[in-house]
Amino acid sequence: MLNIYFIQLASLLYLLGTLSYLFYIVLLKDFLSRLAAMMVTFGFASHTLGILTRLLEAGYTPVTNLHESLSFFAWMIIGILLIANLKYKIKVLGAFLSSIALILMLFALTLPKEILPLHPVLRSFWHPFHVTFAFLGNSIFTLAFCCGVVYLIQEHQLKSKKMGALAKRLPSLKVLDDLNYQALKFGFPLLSLGIITGAVWAEYAWGRYWGWDPKETWSLITWFLYAAMLHQRLTVGWRGRKAAIMAIVGFLAVLFTFLGVNLLLPGLHTYSNWEP
């Protein structure tokens, strides 16, 4: 299948981009950051062709099994990285985001890649909207997670009063905190839209908007976590370390909702249940 070759090429380019970002952190040579950005951009282009090719080959939105979902998630994470770079130009974040995308891609490549007949449940007008909103929100939360991790690393460097080479490579705490908030501000409405469109889809598929399926339950838990974060930001003024830690906790909930539930808690949303 042609789409697999594009996906494999994208994975190789993401690997080269990630290595270039990591070498940039060590050597602090600008040409390495430019090389990393170029590799990741070409990888994103190849990845886009892979998704479009699979869409044409399958005849439906290719987010119906774990291989496709991991690939789609990685594609959106790289897209968010490219967008964030346009405004913030935080080169170090590229190493974190591209690493996560690369891990997802390598995981996806180990899974069955066959295009199967579409399960009746997935033949819905709402399916592409649901998965797009949900994965886009999760990808933005991945950015917030990376900002949280880098924030804690930089804060530790500053408090230790040993301003080593690493501290000089990391952005300021203010920039990281601001980007964390921007990610929360845009990611939360998208997560909400993902849940709403999923509920509408559930009404058409199973005759109810909500059924406390494990996936639905954990989606709601994740939503409440991010709602609490946004509320604390706007009313209590949570910033800095607390916001960074909560961004990490929220992303762990995202990962469990996306992967843990599907692999550990069988239900209507389990990928194996979608296969005919």
Foldseek 3Di string as FASTA:
>chain_A
DVLVVLLVQLLVLLVQLLVLLVVCLVVVDVVSLVSSLVSNVVSLVSLVVSQVVVCVVQVHRQCQFLLSLLSVLLSLLSVVVVVCCVPPVQSNLSNVSSVSSSVSSVVSVVDDDDRAHFFPLCPDPLNVLLSVLQSNLLSLLSSLLSLLVLLVVLVVCVVVVPVDSNNVSGDDNVSSFVSNLVSLVVSLVSLVSNLQSCLVSCCVRPVGSDDVWVLNVLSVVLSVLSVVLNCCCVPVVDTGNVSSVSSNVSSVSVCCSVPVCLVPPDDCSNSVNRGD
